[in-house]
Amino acid sequence: MGFIQQWFGFNGWKSLSTKGSIFATIFYRILFVLGLAVSIITYSYASGGDDPSLIWITIVGLTWFLIFQFLINLIFINGSR
């Protein structure tokens, strides 16, 4: 497993779905959506309160996705060693 797949892949989600409960999976997905909303709102506030363009929403969303994937893999795969 390469570095990128180890830290940013979907192995954490696979481990969560096989070891964890359905409620934990739902909780983490809701946490992802809430974090995405907070990230977009924070970016909008930091950029002066203007509505961000679709490009910047996409960049903020991808950044949050990578951070969240890193945290999921840290919790369920790489942190359990």
C-alpha atoms as a PDB file:
ATOM      1  CA  MET A   1       0.000   0.000   0.000  1.00  0.00           C
ATOM      2  CA  GLY A   2       1.487   3.322  -1.052  1.00  0.00           C
ATOM      3  CA  PHE A   3       1.742   6.433   1.067  1.00  0.00           C
ATOM      4  CA  ILE A   4      -1.174   8.210  -0.625  1.00  0.00           C
ATOM      5  CA  GLN A   5      -3.483   5.210  -0.390  1.00  0.00           C
ATOM      6  CA  GLN A   6      -2.447   4.526   3.194  1.00  0.00           C
ATOM      7  CA  TRP A   7      -3.246   8.021   4.442  1.00  0.00           C
ATOM      8  CA  PHE A   8      -5.870   9.323   1.994  1.00  0.00           C
ATOM      9  CA  GLY A   9      -7.523   6.163   0.607  1.00  0.00           C
ATOM     10  CA  PHE A  10     -10.799   4.530   1.551  1.00  0.00           C
ATOM     11  CA  ASN A  11      -9.314   1.839   3.796  1.00  0.00           C
ATOM     12  CA  GLY A  12     -10.575   3.607   6.907  1.00  0.00           C
ATOM     13  CA  TRP A  13     -14.139   3.498   5.614  1.00  0.00           C
ATOM     14  CA  LYS A  14     -13.780  -0.197   4.750  1.00  0.00           C
ATOM     15  CA  SER A  15     -12.500  -0.928   8.231  1.00  0.00           C
ATOM     16  CA  LEU A  16     -15.297   1.114   9.801  1.00  0.00           C
ATOM     17  CA  SER A  17     -17.973  -0.696   7.806  1.00  0.00           C
ATOM     18  CA  THR A  18     -16.632  -4.148   8.711  1.00  0.00           C
ATOM     19  CA  LYS A  19     -15.693  -3.553  12.359  1.00  0.00           C
ATOM     20  CA  GLY A  20     -17.980  -0.709  13.405  1.00  0.00           C
ATOM     21  CA  SER A  21     -21.695  -0.382  13.695  1.00  0.00           C
ATOM     22  CA  ILE A  22     -24.039   1.234  11.217  1.00  0.00           C
ATOM     23  CA  PHE A  23     -24.582   4.071  13.687  1.00  0.00           C
ATOM     24  CA  ALA A  24     -20.860   4.855  13.763  1.00  0.00           C
ATOM     25  CA  THR A  25     -20.781   4.958   9.960  1.00  0.00           C
ATOM     26  CA  ILE A  26     -23.781   7.280   9.858  1.00  0.00           C
ATOM     27  CA  PHE A  27     -22.217   9.450  12.584  1.00  0.00           C
ATOM     28  CA  TYR A  28     -18.968   9.861  10.631  1.00  0.00           C
ATOM     29  CA  ARG A  29     -20.848  10.702   7.427  1.00  0.00           C
ATOM     30  CA  ILE A  30     -22.917  13.337   9.243  1.00  0.00           C
ATOM     31  CA  LEU A  31     -19.699  14.649  10.792  1.00  0.00           C
ATOM     32  CA  PHE A  32     -18.220  14.953   7.292  1.00  0.00           C
ATOM     33  CA  VAL A  33     -21.205  16.975   6.016  1.00  0.00           C
ATOM     34  CA  LEU A  34     -21.177  19.246   9.075  1.00  0.00           C
ATOM     35  CA  GLY A  35     -17.438  19.801   8.724  1.00  0.00           C
ATOM     36  CA  LEU A  36     -17.878  20.608   5.038  1.00  0.00           C
ATOM     37  CA  ALA A  37     -20.552  23.174   5.864  1.00  0.00           C
ATOM     38  CA  VAL A  38     -18.364  24.736   8.559  1.00  0.00           C
ATOM     39  CA  SER A  39     -15.397  24.843   6.167  1.00  0.00           C
ATOM     40  CA  ILE A  40     -17.392  26.622   3.466  1.00  0.00           C
ATOM     41  CA  ILE A  41     -18.917  29.072   5.967  1.00  0.00           C
ATOM     42  CA  THR A  42     -15.489  29.774   7.490  1.00  0.00           C
ATOM     43  CA  TYR A  43     -13.981  30.391   4.066  1.00  0.00           C
ATOM     44  CA  SER A  44     -16.847  32.697   3.149  1.00  0.00           C
ATOM     45  CA  TYR A  45     -16.419  34.643   6.386  1.00  0.00           C
ATOM     46  CA  ALA A  46     -12.625  34.840   5.999  1.00  0.00           C
ATOM     47  CA  SER A  47     -12.901  36.091   2.426  1.00  0.00           C
ATOM     48  CA  GLY A  48     -14.879  39.136   3.507  1.00  0.00           C
ATOM     49  CA  GLY A  49     -18.403  37.788   3.635  1.00  0.00           C
ATOM     50  CA  ASP A  50     -18.835  37.557  -0.118  1.00  0.00           C
ATOM     51  CA  ASP A  51     -20.341  34.475  -1.681  1.00  0.00           C
ATOM     52  CA  PRO A  52     -17.483  32.244  -2.835  1.00  0.00           C
ATOM     53  CA  SER A  53     -17.419  31.084  -6.433  1.00  0.00           C
ATOM     54  CA  LEU A  54     -17.974  27.462  -7.379  1.00  0.00           C
ATOM     55  CA  ILE A  55     -14.235  27.024  -7.954  1.00  0.00           C
ATOM     56  CA  TRP A  56     -13.384  28.045  -4.395  1.00  0.00           C
ATOM     57  CA  ILE A  57     -16.195  25.947  -2.942  1.00  0.00           C
ATOM     58  CA  THR A  58     -14.748  22.983  -4.832  1.00  0.00           C
ATOM     59  CA  ILE A  59     -11.221  23.697  -3.569  1.00  0.00           C
ATOM     60  CA  VAL A  60     -12.425  24.044   0.028  1.00  0.00           C
ATOM     61  CA  GLY A  61     -14.503  20.879  -0.357  1.00  0.00           C
ATOM     62  CA  LEU A  62     -11.588  18.857  -1.731  1.00  0.00           C
ATOM     63  CA  THR A  63      -9.318  20.137   1.023  1.00  0.00           C
ATOM     64  CA  TRP A  64     -11.843  19.154   3.686  1.00  0.00           C
ATOM     65  CA  PHE A  65     -12.284  15.761   1.999  1.00  0.00           C
ATOM     66  CA  LEU A  66      -8.529  15.078   2.153  1.00  0.00           C
ATOM     67  CA  ILE A  67      -8.320  16.204   5.791  1.00  0.00           C
ATOM     68  CA  PHE A  68     -11.289  14.036   6.731  1.00  0.00           C
ATOM     69  CA  GLN A  69      -9.907  11.014   4.848  1.00  0.00           C
ATOM     70  CA  PHE A  70      -6.603  11.504   6.675  1.00  0.00           C
ATOM     71  CA  LEU A  71      -8.396  11.570  10.039  1.00  0.00           C
ATOM     72  CA  ILE A  72     -10.504   8.479   9.257  1.00  0.00           C
ATOM     73  CA  ASN A  73      -7.412   6.547   8.176  1.00  0.00           C
ATOM     74  CA  LEU A  74      -5.512   7.773  11.207  1.00  0.00           C
ATOM     75  CA  ILE A  75      -8.274   6.596  13.549  1.00  0.00           C
ATOM     76  CA  PHE A  76      -9.135   3.245  11.968  1.00  0.00           C
ATOM     77  CA  ILE A  77      -6.007   2.085  10.123  1.00  0.00           C
ATOM     78  CA  ASN A  78      -2.741   3.822  10.967  1.00  0.00           C
ATOM     79  CA  GLY A  79      -3.448   4.756  14.588  1.00  0.00           C
ATOM     80  CA  SER A  80      -4.176   1.194  15.659  1.00  0.00           C
ATOM     81  CA  ARG A  81      -0.665  -0.096  15.068  1.00  0.00           C
END
